Amino acid sequence: MDNITFRQDATVLVNVLTCEPADQNGLLALLRENTDQVVAGLGGWISTSLLAAADGSRVVIVSQWRDTEAVKGMQADACMQAYFPRIAALARFDSIVGTVAHARAA
């Protein structure tokens, strides 16, 4: 398993998607497809990690970007926007954009 490594100079986008447990696997598959086919090719993208709640009720997306402008560019991208209705059909979401304030690892 890969480690989630935070770059101190990156802008971090965190999306918390709340879904029905029966929809979590489909949501994860859609998010993986979107990451591999759209997000990974966008300017300023650094990394994306998907975290699945054990009870199936949530998925957290942690993405790192070069800067806030790269996040805005992703959100405005036509291919990305085509995924939004498909994602919204499976989950509702909340987002924050920020920077790493503190990180510690063993």
Protein backbone atom coordinates (compact mmCIF):
# COMPACT_ATOMS: atom_id res chain seq x y z
CA MET A 1 0.00 0.00 0.00
CA ASP A 2 1.28 3.45 -0.85
CA ASN A 3 1.72 6.03 1.87
CA ILE A 4 -0.09 9.36 1.76
CA THR A 5 2.68 11.92 1.71
CA PHE A 6 1.88 15.61 2.08
CA ARG A 7 3.98 18.22 0.38
CA GLN A 8 4.31 21.36 2.47
CA ASP A 9 4.27 23.54 -0.67
CA ALA A 10 1.07 21.99 -2.09
CA THR A 11 -2.50 23.20 -1.99
CA VAL A 12 -4.70 20.46 -0.54
CA LEU A 13 -8.29 19.83 -1.63
CA VAL A 14 -10.33 17.60 0.68
CA ASN A 15 -13.77 16.37 -0.40
CA VAL A 16 -15.97 14.42 1.99
CA LEU A 17 -18.64 12.51 0.08
CA THR A 18 -21.55 11.06 2.04
CA CYS A 19 -23.28 8.11 0.40
CA GLU A 20 -25.50 5.16 1.08
CA PRO A 21 -23.38 2.14 2.03
CA ALA A 22 -24.77 0.24 -0.99
CA ASP A 23 -23.36 2.98 -3.26
CA GLN A 24 -19.84 3.21 -1.83
CA ASN A 25 -18.21 0.65 -4.16
CA GLY A 26 -19.77 2.24 -7.24
CA LEU A 27 -18.72 5.67 -6.04
CA LEU A 28 -15.15 4.49 -5.48
CA ALA A 29 -15.03 2.96 -8.96
CA LEU A 30 -16.30 6.21 -10.49
CA LEU A 31 -13.77 8.27 -8.54
CA ARG A 32 -10.89 5.97 -9.55
CA GLU A 33 -11.97 6.24 -13.19
CA ASN A 34 -12.19 10.03 -12.92
CA THR A 35 -8.78 10.26 -11.24
CA ASP A 36 -7.09 8.03 -13.81
CA GLN A 37 -8.79 9.40 -16.93
CA VAL A 38 -9.25 13.10 -16.12
CA VAL A 39 -7.64 14.43 -12.95
CA ALA A 40 -4.19 12.88 -13.46
CA GLY A 41 -3.86 14.69 -16.79
CA LEU A 42 -4.71 18.15 -15.51
CA GLY A 43 -2.11 20.85 -15.01
CA GLY A 44 -0.92 21.30 -11.45
CA TRP A 45 -2.14 17.92 -10.18
CA ILE A 46 0.24 16.19 -7.75
CA SER A 47 -1.65 13.31 -6.12
CA THR A 48 -5.04 11.92 -5.14
CA SER A 49 -5.89 9.46 -2.37
CA LEU A 50 -9.32 7.90 -1.78
CA LEU A 51 -10.29 6.88 1.74
CA ALA A 52 -13.31 4.61 2.27
CA ALA A 53 -15.22 4.61 5.56
CA ALA A 54 -15.48 1.12 7.04
CA ASP A 55 -19.24 1.52 7.44
CA GLY A 56 -19.67 2.45 3.76
CA SER A 57 -21.21 5.85 4.50
CA ARG A 58 -18.41 8.12 3.30
CA VAL A 59 -15.52 8.50 0.91
CA VAL A 60 -12.84 11.12 1.46
CA ILE A 61 -10.80 12.43 -1.45
CA VAL A 62 -7.49 14.07 -0.57
CA SER A 63 -5.86 15.73 -3.57
CA GLN A 64 -2.72 17.82 -3.73
CA TRP A 65 -2.30 20.55 -6.32
CA ARG A 66 0.40 23.01 -7.29
CA ASP A 67 -1.71 25.96 -6.11
CA THR A 68 -5.26 27.28 -5.76
CA GLU A 69 -5.36 28.24 -9.44
CA ALA A 70 -4.76 24.60 -10.40
CA VAL A 71 -7.74 23.58 -8.22
CA LYS A 72 -9.91 26.20 -9.93
CA GLY A 73 -8.70 24.97 -13.32
CA MET A 74 -9.70 21.41 -12.43
CA GLN A 75 -13.13 22.52 -11.27
CA ALA A 76 -13.68 24.46 -14.51
CA ASP A 77 -12.43 21.68 -16.82
CA ALA A 78 -15.20 20.41 -19.14
CA CYS A 79 -14.20 16.75 -18.71
CA MET A 80 -14.24 17.14 -14.94
CA GLN A 81 -17.59 18.91 -14.99
CA ALA A 82 -19.04 15.97 -16.92
CA TYR A 83 -18.35 13.78 -13.84
CA PHE A 84 -20.05 16.08 -11.31
CA PRO A 85 -23.65 14.92 -12.05
CA ARG A 86 -22.57 11.28 -11.95
CA ILE A 87 -20.88 11.79 -8.59
CA ALA A 88 -23.81 13.83 -7.25
CA ALA A 89 -26.16 10.96 -8.17
CA LEU A 90 -24.31 8.75 -5.67
CA ALA A 91 -23.28 11.17 -2.92
CA ARG A 92 -23.48 14.65 -1.51
CA PHE A 93 -20.21 16.37 -0.76
CA ASP A 94 -18.44 19.10 1.16
CA SER A 95 -15.05 20.53 0.24
CA ILE A 96 -12.21 22.52 1.75
CA VAL A 97 -9.10 23.95 0.13
CA GLY A 98 -6.08 24.68 2.30
CA THR A 99 -2.49 23.89 3.07
CA VAL A 100 -0.84 21.37 5.36
CA ALA A 101 -0.71 22.99 8.80
CA HIS A 102 1.00 20.03 10.48
CA ALA A 103 1.96 16.48 9.56
CA ARG A 104 3.72 13.81 11.58
CA ALA A 105 4.58 10.22 10.80
CA ALA A 106 6.12 7.33 12.70
